[in-house]
């Protein structure tokens, strides 16, 4: 077990953390939480820096969150955990860079497992990153497929993009259906998963990556999938904090996380966007769709959630429809990266549950989706030298 620093006045929590850390824990008073990391670390009296800092936030959440945010910036090689109400703290803790939020009533075994995960993550963050080395791992890319309205083709884009990535990065891609009321990722892939998203976020999966992995469905392509609930009413039990925690956990386990979101910008979608590295902005080639995309882009820009890595897609492109790509670009004040034509093969693909990239790779839509795929992973050329890279 690694070194742990705890700030709490609770004798019960001190005893519990000490046991979970196998004695390698320094406990400091928590009644007057310092506002600056340097003041907290000064109390260590020349002890080595901890791998994990556990802050008791059960009585005063705001000072704990403020200190956690500063610690994340001040000590990027140290993991921060909070003890408090996960339902209230999950979202602000995520924004502060906190690794995990546990209820004060957590048992010693679960606490020990959480400390071990946090310590491992902290050690990994301190290690030099070299994705080309055997043990190296590139940072996860979280790709959110977004549209201001339904019927724009988000599921077609998300499923085919995920399938294409899974082909190039075996075992490293997961697709999540965040259209929790009416999502049809499972239908588009002809899957009947045992666990759906609502059940996954209510169980231990948000705290335990092993438990999470056992609840993921796997497509014949090797793609991992989390499907939306079968009953639209079940969506009400899933909150934004749980969605954010789930996406964060998946990003720590997979190289690519593809999110098929609900239409518009509901709170759960915004929570997912906090983790998103690559938004895919999708709309239809008509005036209502283009105007909706303009509003969505403006909103995300105002919220600071529009990175330069975004891709803008126009679906059902028809040069005879009265609009040109130049018209669209002038309206949304952004370049259009890919135009996708209408194809009956897409409908057939959805009806048969076989992604277009697998069923008809030569279709014009499939070719355009390959262009999107190339924005994230370079396709193999098949002409390079064999042997060491």
Protein backbone atom coordinates (compact mmCIF):
# COMPACT_ATOMS: atom_id res chain seq x y z
CA UNK A 1 0.00 0.00 0.00
CA UNK A 2 1.22 3.51 -0.82
CA UNK A 3 1.46 6.54 1.46
CA UNK A 4 -1.86 8.16 2.36
CA UNK A 5 -2.60 11.55 3.92
CA UNK A 6 -5.99 12.00 5.62
CA UNK A 7 -7.58 15.21 6.83
CA UNK A 8 -10.46 14.47 9.22
CA UNK A 9 -11.56 14.97 12.81
CA UNK A 10 -13.58 11.77 12.83
CA UNK A 11 -12.00 9.06 14.95
CA UNK A 12 -13.99 6.44 13.06
CA UNK A 13 -12.75 7.62 9.67
CA UNK A 14 -9.18 7.85 10.92
CA UNK A 15 -9.33 4.29 12.17
CA UNK A 16 -10.94 3.05 8.96
CA UNK A 17 -8.45 4.77 6.63
CA UNK A 18 -5.51 3.66 8.77
CA UNK A 19 -6.65 0.04 8.50
CA UNK A 20 -7.37 0.32 4.77
CA UNK A 21 -3.92 1.87 4.18
CA UNK A 22 -2.30 -0.92 6.23
CA UNK A 23 -0.84 1.58 8.66
CA UNK A 24 0.75 3.83 6.02
CA UNK A 25 -1.43 6.83 6.76
CA UNK A 26 -0.77 10.23 8.32
CA UNK A 27 -3.89 11.84 9.81
CA UNK A 28 -4.20 15.61 10.14
CA UNK A 29 -6.99 17.64 11.77
CA UNK A 30 -9.79 18.55 9.41
CA UNK A 31 -11.70 21.21 11.35
CA UNK A 32 -9.64 24.07 9.87
CA UNK A 33 -8.86 22.95 6.35
CA UNK A 34 -6.12 25.11 4.80
CA UNK A 35 -6.94 26.83 1.55
CA UNK A 36 -3.51 26.30 0.00
CA UNK A 37 -1.76 22.96 -0.68
CA UNK A 38 1.55 24.30 0.65
CA UNK A 39 -0.04 24.96 4.07
CA UNK A 40 -1.41 21.43 4.19
CA UNK A 41 1.88 19.83 3.18
CA UNK A 42 3.79 21.94 5.70
CA UNK A 43 2.04 19.94 8.43
CA UNK A 44 3.77 16.77 7.23
CA UNK A 45 7.00 17.89 8.93
CA UNK A 46 9.41 16.64 6.26
CA UNK A 47 7.60 13.35 5.61
CA UNK A 48 7.62 12.19 1.98
CA UNK A 49 4.81 13.39 -0.27
CA UNK A 50 1.74 11.15 -0.19
CA UNK A 51 0.50 9.15 -3.16
CA UNK A 52 -3.11 9.72 -2.11
CA UNK A 53 -4.72 12.58 -0.16
CA UNK A 54 -8.10 11.80 1.41
CA UNK A 55 -10.18 14.82 2.46
CA UNK A 56 -13.18 14.50 4.74
CA UNK A 57 -15.87 16.57 2.99
CA UNK A 58 -18.81 15.27 5.00
CA UNK A 59 -19.17 18.46 7.07
CA UNK A 60 -17.77 21.22 4.88
CA UNK A 61 -17.92 20.38 1.20
CA UNK A 62 -16.96 23.75 -0.29
CA UNK A 63 -13.55 24.14 1.43
CA UNK A 64 -12.78 20.50 0.65
CA UNK A 65 -13.58 20.97 -3.05
CA UNK A 66 -11.58 24.19 -3.23
CA UNK A 67 -8.54 22.52 -1.68
CA UNK A 68 -8.95 19.47 -3.91
CA UNK A 69 -8.91 21.63 -7.05
CA UNK A 70 -5.72 23.37 -5.93
CA UNK A 71 -4.09 20.07 -5.01
CA UNK A 72 -4.84 18.67 -8.47
CA UNK A 73 -2.94 21.58 -10.02
CA UNK A 74 -0.22 21.80 -7.35
CA UNK A 75 0.48 18.06 -7.09
CA UNK A 76 -0.48 16.40 -10.39
CA UNK A 77 1.33 13.23 -9.29
CA UNK A 78 -0.88 12.81 -6.21
CA UNK A 79 -4.43 11.46 -6.33
CA UNK A 80 -7.16 13.22 -4.32
CA UNK A 81 -10.19 11.44 -2.86
CA UNK A 82 -13.15 12.85 -0.95
CA UNK A 83 -15.24 11.27 1.78
CA UNK A 84 -18.80 12.59 1.58
CA UNK A 85 -22.12 12.17 -0.19
CA UNK A 86 -21.33 10.90 -3.73
CA UNK A 87 -24.70 12.10 -5.03
CA UNK A 88 -23.97 15.70 -4.07
CA UNK A 89 -20.23 15.75 -4.65
CA UNK A 90 -19.77 13.67 -7.82
CA UNK A 91 -20.13 16.49 -10.33
CA UNK A 92 -18.19 19.27 -8.52
CA UNK A 93 -15.55 16.72 -7.49
CA UNK A 94 -15.11 15.67 -11.11
CA UNK A 95 -14.59 19.30 -12.11
CA UNK A 96 -12.00 19.67 -9.33
CA UNK A 97 -9.98 16.72 -10.58
CA UNK A 98 -10.88 14.40 -7.71
CA UNK A 99 -10.13 10.73 -8.36
CA UNK A 100 -13.02 9.25 -6.33
CA UNK A 101 -15.82 10.15 -3.92
CA UNK A 102 -16.75 7.61 -1.25
CA UNK A 103 -19.45 7.68 1.40
CA UNK A 104 -18.09 7.90 4.97
CA UNK A 105 -19.90 4.61 5.67
CA UNK A 106 -17.75 2.75 3.11
CA UNK A 107 -16.38 -0.51 4.45
CA UNK A 108 -12.64 -1.10 4.86
CA UNK A 109 -12.36 -3.52 1.92
CA UNK A 110 -13.96 -1.10 -0.53
CA UNK A 111 -11.89 1.77 0.84
CA UNK A 112 -8.69 -0.25 0.47
CA UNK A 113 -9.55 -1.06 -3.14
CA UNK A 114 -10.27 2.62 -3.88
CA UNK A 115 -6.98 3.70 -2.29
CA UNK A 116 -5.06 1.15 -4.35
CA UNK A 117 -6.71 2.34 -7.57
CA UNK A 118 -6.01 5.96 -6.73
CA UNK A 119 -2.37 5.23 -5.84
CA UNK A 120 -1.87 3.30 -9.08
CA UNK A 121 -3.31 6.21 -11.06
CA UNK A 122 -1.07 8.68 -9.24
CA UNK A 123 2.03 6.62 -9.93
CA UNK A 124 1.04 6.31 -13.59
CA UNK A 125 0.61 10.08 -13.86
CA UNK A 126 4.12 10.62 -12.47
CA UNK A 127 5.66 8.19 -14.96
CA UNK A 128 6.83 9.57 -18.31
CA UNK A 129 4.24 8.87 -21.00
CA UNK A 130 5.49 6.91 -23.98
CA UNK A 131 2.66 5.30 -25.96
CA UNK A 132 5.18 3.50 -28.17
CA UNK A 133 6.74 1.61 -25.28
CA UNK A 134 5.30 -1.78 -24.26
CA UNK A 135 3.87 -0.42 -21.04
CA UNK A 136 2.98 3.02 -22.37
CA UNK A 137 -0.58 4.19 -22.96
CA UNK A 138 -1.78 7.11 -25.01
CA UNK A 139 -4.28 9.44 -23.32
CA UNK A 140 -7.88 8.41 -23.93
CA UNK A 141 -9.89 10.22 -26.55
CA UNK A 142 -13.55 10.73 -25.71
CA UNK A 143 -15.56 11.33 -28.89
CA UNK A 144 -19.09 12.69 -28.40
CA UNK A 145 -21.46 12.61 -31.37
CA UNK A 146 -23.80 15.59 -30.97
CA UNK A 147 -26.80 16.99 -32.80
CA UNK A 148 -29.30 19.74 -31.94
CA UNK A 149 -32.21 17.57 -33.09
CA UNK A 150 -33.20 13.95 -33.47
CA UNK A 151 -33.18 12.05 -36.73
CA UNK A 152 -29.86 13.51 -37.87
CA UNK A 153 -28.05 10.18 -37.98
CA UNK A 154 -26.09 10.29 -34.71
CA UNK A 155 -26.43 6.57 -34.07
CA UNK A 156 -25.30 5.68 -37.59
CA UNK A 157 -22.21 7.87 -37.21
CA UNK A 158 -21.44 6.75 -33.65
CA UNK A 159 -21.83 3.01 -34.28
CA UNK A 160 -19.83 2.98 -37.50
CA UNK A 161 -17.11 5.20 -36.05
CA UNK A 162 -16.83 2.89 -33.03
CA UNK A 163 -16.77 -0.22 -35.22
CA UNK A 164 -14.04 1.29 -37.38
CA UNK A 165 -11.95 2.24 -34.35
CA UNK A 166 -12.39 -1.22 -32.85
CA UNK A 167 -11.07 -2.71 -36.07
CA UNK A 168 -7.90 -0.62 -35.79
CA UNK A 169 -7.51 -0.70 -32.00
CA UNK A 170 -8.68 -4.17 -30.88
CA UNK A 171 -9.99 -4.22 -27.32
CA UNK A 172 -9.45 -0.50 -26.91
CA UNK A 173 -12.85 0.97 -27.84
CA UNK A 174 -16.14 1.29 -25.98
CA UNK A 175 -19.40 2.76 -27.30
CA UNK A 176 -21.92 4.26 -24.86
CA UNK A 177 -25.55 5.05 -25.71
CA UNK A 178 -26.35 8.24 -23.80
CA UNK A 179 -29.73 8.71 -25.47
CA UNK A 180 -31.17 7.17 -22.33
CA UNK A 181 -34.84 7.34 -23.24
CA UNK A 182 -34.88 6.38 -26.90
CA UNK A 183 -31.37 5.20 -27.73
CA UNK A 184 -31.10 2.40 -30.27
CA UNK A 185 -27.41 1.52 -30.36
CA UNK A 186 -28.25 -2.03 -29.29
CA UNK A 187 -30.74 -2.34 -32.14
CA UNK A 188 -28.29 -0.90 -34.67
CA UNK A 189 -25.77 -3.56 -33.63
CA UNK A 190 -28.29 -6.42 -33.24
CA UNK A 191 -27.32 -6.87 -29.59
CA UNK A 192 -29.30 -7.84 -26.49
CA UNK A 193 -26.98 -6.88 -23.62
CA UNK A 194 -27.48 -8.34 -20.17
CA UNK A 195 -26.68 -5.01 -18.47
CA UNK A 196 -27.81 -1.56 -19.60
CA UNK A 197 -26.50 1.82 -18.51
CA UNK A 198 -29.04 2.40 -15.74
CA UNK A 199 -28.09 -0.85 -14.01
CA UNK A 200 -24.36 -0.27 -14.48
CA UNK A 201 -24.27 3.16 -12.81
CA UNK A 202 -26.32 1.94 -9.83
CA UNK A 203 -23.86 -0.86 -9.02
CA UNK A 204 -20.17 -1.03 -8.05
CA UNK A 205 -18.96 -0.36 -11.60
CA UNK A 206 -18.37 3.37 -10.99
CA UNK A 207 -15.87 2.46 -8.27
CA UNK A 208 -14.39 -0.79 -9.52
CA UNK A 209 -12.98 -1.09 -13.08
CA UNK A 210 -13.06 -4.87 -12.87
CA UNK A 211 -16.77 -4.84 -12.02
CA UNK A 212 -17.34 -2.39 -14.86
CA UNK A 213 -15.56 -4.57 -17.41
CA UNK A 214 -17.67 -7.60 -16.48
CA UNK A 215 -20.88 -5.67 -17.21
CA UNK A 216 -19.92 -4.46 -20.68
CA UNK A 217 -21.48 -6.16 -23.68
CA UNK A 218 -19.16 -7.12 -26.52
CA UNK A 219 -20.01 -7.00 -30.21
CA UNK A 220 -18.72 -9.62 -32.63
CA UNK A 221 -16.25 -6.99 -33.91
CA UNK A 222 -14.62 -6.78 -30.48
CA UNK A 223 -16.25 -3.42 -29.71
CA UNK A 224 -17.44 -3.00 -26.11
CA UNK A 225 -20.91 -1.51 -25.70
CA UNK A 226 -23.05 0.06 -22.96
CA UNK A 227 -26.63 0.23 -24.19
CA UNK A 228 -29.41 2.59 -23.11
CA UNK A 229 -32.18 1.28 -20.81
CA UNK A 230 -34.92 -0.75 -22.46
CA UNK A 231 -37.57 1.18 -20.53
CA UNK A 232 -37.51 4.96 -21.18
CA UNK A 233 -38.75 5.55 -17.62
CA UNK A 234 -35.52 4.03 -16.27
CA UNK A 235 -33.62 7.02 -17.62
CA UNK A 236 -34.96 9.15 -14.79
CA UNK A 237 -32.84 7.19 -12.30
CA UNK A 238 -29.61 8.22 -14.04
CA UNK A 239 -28.23 11.63 -13.12
CA UNK A 240 -25.54 13.82 -14.65
CA UNK A 241 -23.01 13.00 -11.94
CA UNK A 242 -23.28 9.29 -12.64
CA UNK A 243 -22.82 9.85 -16.36
CA UNK A 244 -19.71 11.94 -15.74
CA UNK A 245 -18.27 9.32 -13.38
CA UNK A 246 -18.97 6.55 -15.88
CA UNK A 247 -17.29 8.38 -18.77
CA UNK A 248 -14.32 9.20 -16.55
CA UNK A 249 -13.96 5.57 -15.49
CA UNK A 250 -14.19 4.35 -19.09
CA UNK A 251 -11.57 6.89 -20.19
CA UNK A 252 -9.17 5.38 -17.67
CA UNK A 253 -9.68 1.90 -19.16
CA UNK A 254 -10.02 2.43 -22.93
CA UNK A 255 -8.11 4.27 -25.61
CA UNK A 256 -11.32 5.46 -27.29
CA UNK A 257 -14.70 6.20 -25.71
CA UNK A 258 -17.44 6.96 -28.26
CA UNK A 259 -20.62 8.58 -26.95
CA UNK A 260 -23.93 8.58 -28.84
CA UNK A 261 -25.72 11.44 -27.10
CA UNK A 262 -29.35 12.51 -26.90
CA UNK A 263 -30.53 15.37 -29.10
CA UNK A 264 -29.83 18.80 -27.66
CA UNK A 265 -27.76 19.72 -24.61
CA UNK A 266 -29.39 18.17 -21.56
CA UNK A 267 -27.46 18.04 -18.23
CA UNK A 268 -26.26 14.47 -18.76
CA UNK A 269 -24.84 15.39 -22.15
CA UNK A 270 -23.10 18.43 -20.66
CA UNK A 271 -21.60 16.21 -17.99
CA UNK A 272 -20.22 13.92 -20.68
CA UNK A 273 -18.87 16.94 -22.54
CA UNK A 274 -16.75 17.79 -19.51
CA UNK A 275 -14.73 14.67 -20.42
CA UNK A 276 -14.96 15.04 -24.19
CA UNK A 277 -11.77 15.59 -26.16
CA UNK A 278 -13.29 15.38 -29.64
CA UNK A 279 -16.85 16.59 -30.34
CA UNK A 280 -18.48 15.50 -33.59
CA UNK A 281 -21.09 18.10 -34.51
CA UNK A 282 -23.74 16.60 -36.78
CA UNK A 283 -26.78 18.05 -38.47
CA UNK A 284 -28.98 17.56 -41.51
CA UNK A 285 -28.62 19.50 -44.74
CA UNK A 286 -31.66 21.74 -44.24
CA UNK A 287 -32.39 25.17 -42.81
CA UNK A 288 -33.84 24.05 -39.40
CA UNK A 289 -30.95 21.66 -38.85
CA UNK A 290 -28.30 24.22 -39.78
CA UNK A 291 -29.82 26.90 -37.57
CA UNK A 292 -29.99 24.44 -34.70
CA UNK A 293 -26.32 23.58 -35.18
CA UNK A 294 -25.42 27.27 -35.15
CA UNK A 295 -27.12 27.67 -31.76
CA UNK A 296 -25.49 24.53 -30.40
CA UNK A 297 -22.01 25.62 -31.48
CA UNK A 298 -22.56 29.09 -29.99
CA UNK A 299 -23.73 27.59 -26.70
CA UNK A 300 -20.79 25.22 -26.41
CA UNK A 301 -18.37 28.00 -27.31
CA UNK A 302 -19.84 30.16 -24.56
CA UNK A 303 -19.50 27.28 -22.07
CA UNK A 304 -15.89 26.68 -23.06
CA UNK A 305 -16.73 23.18 -24.34
CA UNK A 306 -15.77 23.56 -27.99
CA UNK A 307 -12.17 22.40 -28.53
CA UNK A 308 -10.40 22.89 -31.83
CA UNK A 309 -10.44 19.11 -32.36
CA UNK A 310 -14.12 19.15 -33.27
CA UNK A 311 -15.45 17.71 -36.52
CA UNK A 312 -18.50 19.19 -38.30
CA UNK A 313 -20.58 16.78 -40.40
CA UNK A 314 -23.50 17.46 -42.74
CA UNK A 315 -25.75 14.44 -43.21
CA UNK A 316 -28.14 13.69 -46.08
CA UNK A 317 -26.23 16.11 -48.30
CA UNK A 318 -28.17 16.97 -51.46
CA UNK A 319 -26.78 19.59 -53.87
CA UNK A 320 -30.29 20.05 -55.30
CA UNK A 321 -31.82 20.91 -51.93
CA UNK A 322 -31.35 24.67 -52.23
CA UNK A 323 -28.40 24.93 -49.83
CA UNK A 324 -24.67 24.84 -50.50
CA UNK A 325 -21.88 23.92 -48.11
CA UNK A 326 -20.75 27.54 -48.30
CA UNK A 327 -24.21 28.64 -47.10
CA UNK A 328 -23.95 26.29 -44.14
CA UNK A 329 -20.44 27.44 -43.22
CA UNK A 330 -21.52 31.07 -43.34
CA UNK A 331 -24.47 30.33 -41.05
CA UNK A 332 -22.65 28.25 -38.42
CA UNK A 333 -19.44 30.35 -38.68
CA UNK A 334 -17.36 27.21 -38.87
CA UNK A 335 -15.89 25.01 -41.57
CA UNK A 336 -17.68 21.81 -42.59
CA UNK A 337 -15.29 18.87 -42.46
CA UNK A 338 -17.32 16.05 -44.03
CA UNK A 339 -20.53 15.84 -46.05
CA UNK A 340 -22.44 12.55 -46.01
CA UNK A 341 -24.83 11.78 -48.88
CA UNK A 342 -28.16 10.03 -48.59
CA UNK A 343 -28.01 6.26 -49.12
CA UNK A 344 -30.64 3.56 -48.84
CA UNK A 345 -27.84 1.26 -47.68
CA UNK A 346 -27.89 3.08 -44.34
CA UNK A 347 -31.54 2.18 -43.78
CA UNK A 348 -30.85 -1.43 -44.72
CA UNK A 349 -27.89 -1.48 -42.36
CA UNK A 350 -29.99 -0.25 -39.44
CA UNK A 351 -32.81 -2.67 -40.19
CA UNK A 352 -30.48 -5.66 -40.31
CA UNK A 353 -28.34 -4.66 -37.32
CA UNK A 354 -25.07 -4.76 -39.26
CA UNK A 355 -22.98 -1.56 -39.36
CA UNK A 356 -22.43 -0.09 -42.81
CA UNK A 357 -18.63 -0.32 -42.57
CA UNK A 358 -19.01 -4.09 -42.18
CA UNK A 359 -21.95 -4.66 -44.53
CA UNK A 360 -21.14 -2.37 -47.46
CA UNK A 361 -17.68 -0.83 -47.03
CA UNK A 362 -17.72 0.48 -50.61
CA UNK A 363 -20.92 2.53 -50.14
CA UNK A 364 -20.44 6.32 -50.54
CA UNK A 365 -21.57 6.89 -46.94
CA UNK A 366 -19.10 4.29 -45.67
CA UNK A 367 -16.31 6.04 -47.58
CA UNK A 368 -17.15 9.37 -45.92
CA UNK A 369 -17.28 7.72 -42.50
CA UNK A 370 -13.80 6.35 -43.18
CA UNK A 371 -12.65 9.94 -43.61
CA UNK A 372 -13.99 10.70 -40.11
CA UNK A 373 -12.22 7.62 -38.79
CA UNK A 374 -8.93 8.86 -40.23
CA UNK A 375 -9.18 11.97 -38.03
CA UNK A 376 -8.52 9.76 -35.00
CA UNK A 377 -6.46 6.78 -36.20
CA UNK A 378 -4.29 6.53 -39.29
CA UNK A 379 -5.52 3.56 -41.37
CA UNK A 380 -2.97 0.82 -42.05
CA UNK A 381 -1.37 1.16 -45.48
CA UNK A 382 -0.28 -2.45 -45.80
CA UNK A 383 2.94 -1.29 -47.50
CA UNK A 384 5.20 -0.56 -44.56
CA UNK A 385 8.19 -2.67 -43.57
CA UNK A 386 7.43 -5.57 -41.32
CA UNK A 387 9.23 -5.94 -38.04
CA UNK A 388 9.99 -3.44 -35.32
CA UNK A 389 8.32 -0.07 -35.36
